[in-house]
Protein backbone atom coordinates (compact mmCIF):
# COMPACT_ATOMS: atom_id res chain seq x y z
CA MET A 1 0.04 0.01 0.06
CA ALA A 2 1.56 3.31 -1.04
CA ASN A 3 1.52 6.46 1.15
CA VAL A 4 -1.14 8.74 -0.27
CA THR A 5 0.09 11.71 1.70
CA VAL A 6 2.68 13.18 -0.54
CA PRO A 7 4.07 16.66 -1.19
CA THR A 8 1.88 18.90 -3.41
CA ALA A 9 2.52 22.11 -5.40
CA GLN A 10 0.11 24.11 -3.17
CA SER A 11 1.69 27.00 -1.27
CA PRO A 12 1.42 26.53 2.61
CA ALA A 13 0.82 30.35 2.88
CA GLU A 14 -2.10 30.18 0.41
CA PHE A 15 -3.46 27.09 2.30
CA LEU A 16 -3.29 28.90 5.62
CA ALA A 17 -4.89 32.10 4.19
CA ALA A 18 -7.96 30.00 3.36
CA VAL A 19 -8.27 28.29 6.79
CA GLU A 20 -11.65 28.85 8.37
CA GLY A 21 -11.68 30.81 11.68
CA ALA A 22 -9.43 33.77 12.36
CA GLN A 23 -7.81 32.30 15.41
CA ARG A 24 -7.06 28.94 13.67
CA ARG A 25 -5.57 30.84 10.75
CA ARG A 26 -3.38 32.93 13.02
CA ASP A 27 -2.28 29.76 14.86
CA GLY A 28 -1.38 28.13 11.61
CA GLU A 29 0.64 31.22 10.43
CA ARG A 30 2.46 31.32 13.68
CA LEU A 31 3.31 27.59 13.43
CA LEU A 32 4.49 28.09 9.94
CA ALA A 33 6.92 30.86 11.10
CA LEU A 34 8.02 28.99 14.14
CA MET A 35 8.68 25.68 12.48
CA ALA A 36 10.49 27.36 9.56
CA GLU A 37 12.68 29.37 11.97
CA VAL A 38 13.55 26.34 14.13
CA THR A 39 14.16 23.86 11.30
CA GLY A 40 15.54 26.16 8.62
CA ALA A 41 13.57 24.02 6.17
CA ILE A 42 11.25 25.13 3.38
CA PRO A 43 7.67 24.24 4.24
CA LEU A 44 5.71 22.07 1.88
CA MET A 45 2.12 21.02 1.63
CA TRP A 46 1.52 17.30 2.19
CA GLY A 47 -1.79 16.13 0.95
CA THR A 48 -4.61 18.60 1.28
CA SER A 49 -4.23 19.88 4.88
CA MET A 50 -0.73 19.21 6.33
CA VAL A 51 2.30 21.47 6.28
CA GLY A 52 5.59 19.64 6.57
CA PHE A 53 9.24 20.48 7.07
CA GLY A 54 12.09 18.26 5.93
CA THR A 55 11.71 14.71 4.68
CA TYR A 56 12.89 11.25 5.59
CA ARG A 57 12.53 7.82 3.98
CA TYR A 58 11.08 4.97 5.92
CA CYS A 59 10.97 1.25 5.62
CA TYR A 60 8.73 -0.82 7.81
CA PRO A 61 9.60 -4.41 8.74
CA SER A 62 6.73 -5.39 6.35
CA GLY A 63 8.77 -3.93 3.49
CA ARG A 64 6.49 -0.97 2.96
CA ARG A 65 8.52 2.05 1.97
CA GLY A 66 7.83 5.69 1.68
CA GLU A 67 8.75 9.29 2.40
CA PHE A 68 7.22 11.66 4.90
CA PHE A 69 7.91 14.99 6.51
CA ARG A 70 10.13 15.19 9.75
CA VAL A 71 7.86 17.70 11.60
CA GLY A 72 4.71 19.44 10.64
CA PHE A 73 1.23 20.55 11.56
CA SER A 74 -2.37 20.75 10.40
CA PRO A 75 -4.77 23.56 11.63
CA ARG A 76 -7.84 21.28 12.03
CA LYS A 77 -11.17 22.57 13.16
CA SER A 78 -11.09 20.88 16.53
CA ALA A 79 -7.41 21.37 17.37
CA LEU A 80 -3.97 21.99 15.92
CA SER A 81 -2.37 18.65 15.07
CA LEU A 82 1.43 18.63 15.57
CA TYR A 83 3.42 15.84 13.85
CA GLY A 84 6.88 14.34 14.56
CA LEU A 85 7.15 15.63 18.12
CA LYS A 86 6.80 12.55 20.19
CA ASP A 87 9.21 9.94 18.85
CA ASP A 88 11.04 8.96 22.07
CA GLU A 89 10.98 8.93 25.87
CA ARG A 90 12.72 12.24 26.25
CA ALA A 91 10.17 13.94 24.03
CA GLU A 92 7.35 12.25 25.98
CA ALA A 93 8.86 13.74 29.25
CA MET A 94 9.14 17.24 27.57
CA LEU A 95 5.42 17.07 26.74
CA ALA A 96 4.63 17.40 30.42
CA ASP A 97 5.94 20.95 30.27
CA LEU A 98 4.20 21.90 27.06
CA GLY A 99 0.98 22.89 28.58
CA PRO A 100 -2.56 21.62 27.77
CA HIS A 101 -2.54 19.02 25.03
CA THR A 102 -3.66 15.58 24.19
CA ALA A 103 -1.67 12.98 22.28
CA GLY A 104 -2.55 10.33 19.74
CA VAL A 105 -0.37 7.66 18.30
CA GLY A 106 1.56 9.94 15.96
CA CYS A 107 0.68 13.48 16.86
CA VAL A 108 0.11 16.01 19.67
CA TYR A 109 -3.07 18.12 19.68
CA VAL A 110 -3.30 21.61 21.15
CA LYS A 111 -6.18 24.05 21.10
CA SER A 112 -4.00 27.12 20.40
CA VAL A 113 -0.40 28.18 20.25
CA ASP A 114 -1.11 30.79 22.98
CA SER A 115 -2.06 27.90 25.40
CA VAL A 116 1.38 26.20 25.24
CA ASP A 117 4.88 27.15 26.38
CA GLU A 118 6.56 28.31 23.20
CA SER A 119 10.07 27.46 24.38
CA VAL A 120 9.11 23.89 25.01
CA LEU A 121 7.32 23.70 21.62
CA ARG A 122 10.42 25.02 19.95
CA ALA A 123 12.58 22.43 21.76
CA LEU A 124 10.11 19.68 20.66
CA VAL A 125 10.19 20.83 17.08
CA ARG A 126 14.01 21.02 17.02
CA ARG A 127 14.28 17.57 18.60
CA GLY A 128 11.71 16.08 16.24
CA PHE A 129 13.33 17.61 13.21
CA GLU A 130 17.00 16.46 14.10
CA ARG A 131 16.35 13.15 15.73
CA PRO A 132 16.33 9.97 13.45
CA LYS A 133 12.87 8.63 12.91
CA LEU A 134 11.54 5.17 13.74
CA HIS A 135 12.08 2.99 10.59
CA GLU A 136 14.10 5.61 8.94
CA ALA A 137 15.85 4.12 5.93
């Protein structure tokens, strides 16, 4: 099964300009600037709603291969989804200092950028971007 979430030609800035809700749009713009500054990478749209920074190739034990972004986000209606920030025990411990959030299998959800500690968020983004990923090929 191929990964259907791949880079697109859409501009992340144009995507964010069309996000519904002024606060969600501002949060997306802040995350775009923050992640670009921390990673030094050029943001790309992945699929229709995710902004990603950097790439890595993966290979699962099953043989499935693909490419995905190192860190990224999506300004979803219910919460901001942050990707690539919780890949190891140290990152999990850092999340305790982030502020209000919930976590799924592969991402962290926050209600707004204002509700979290920006220095912790920056450290998580840096760590997520620089650290080797699980199954990285």
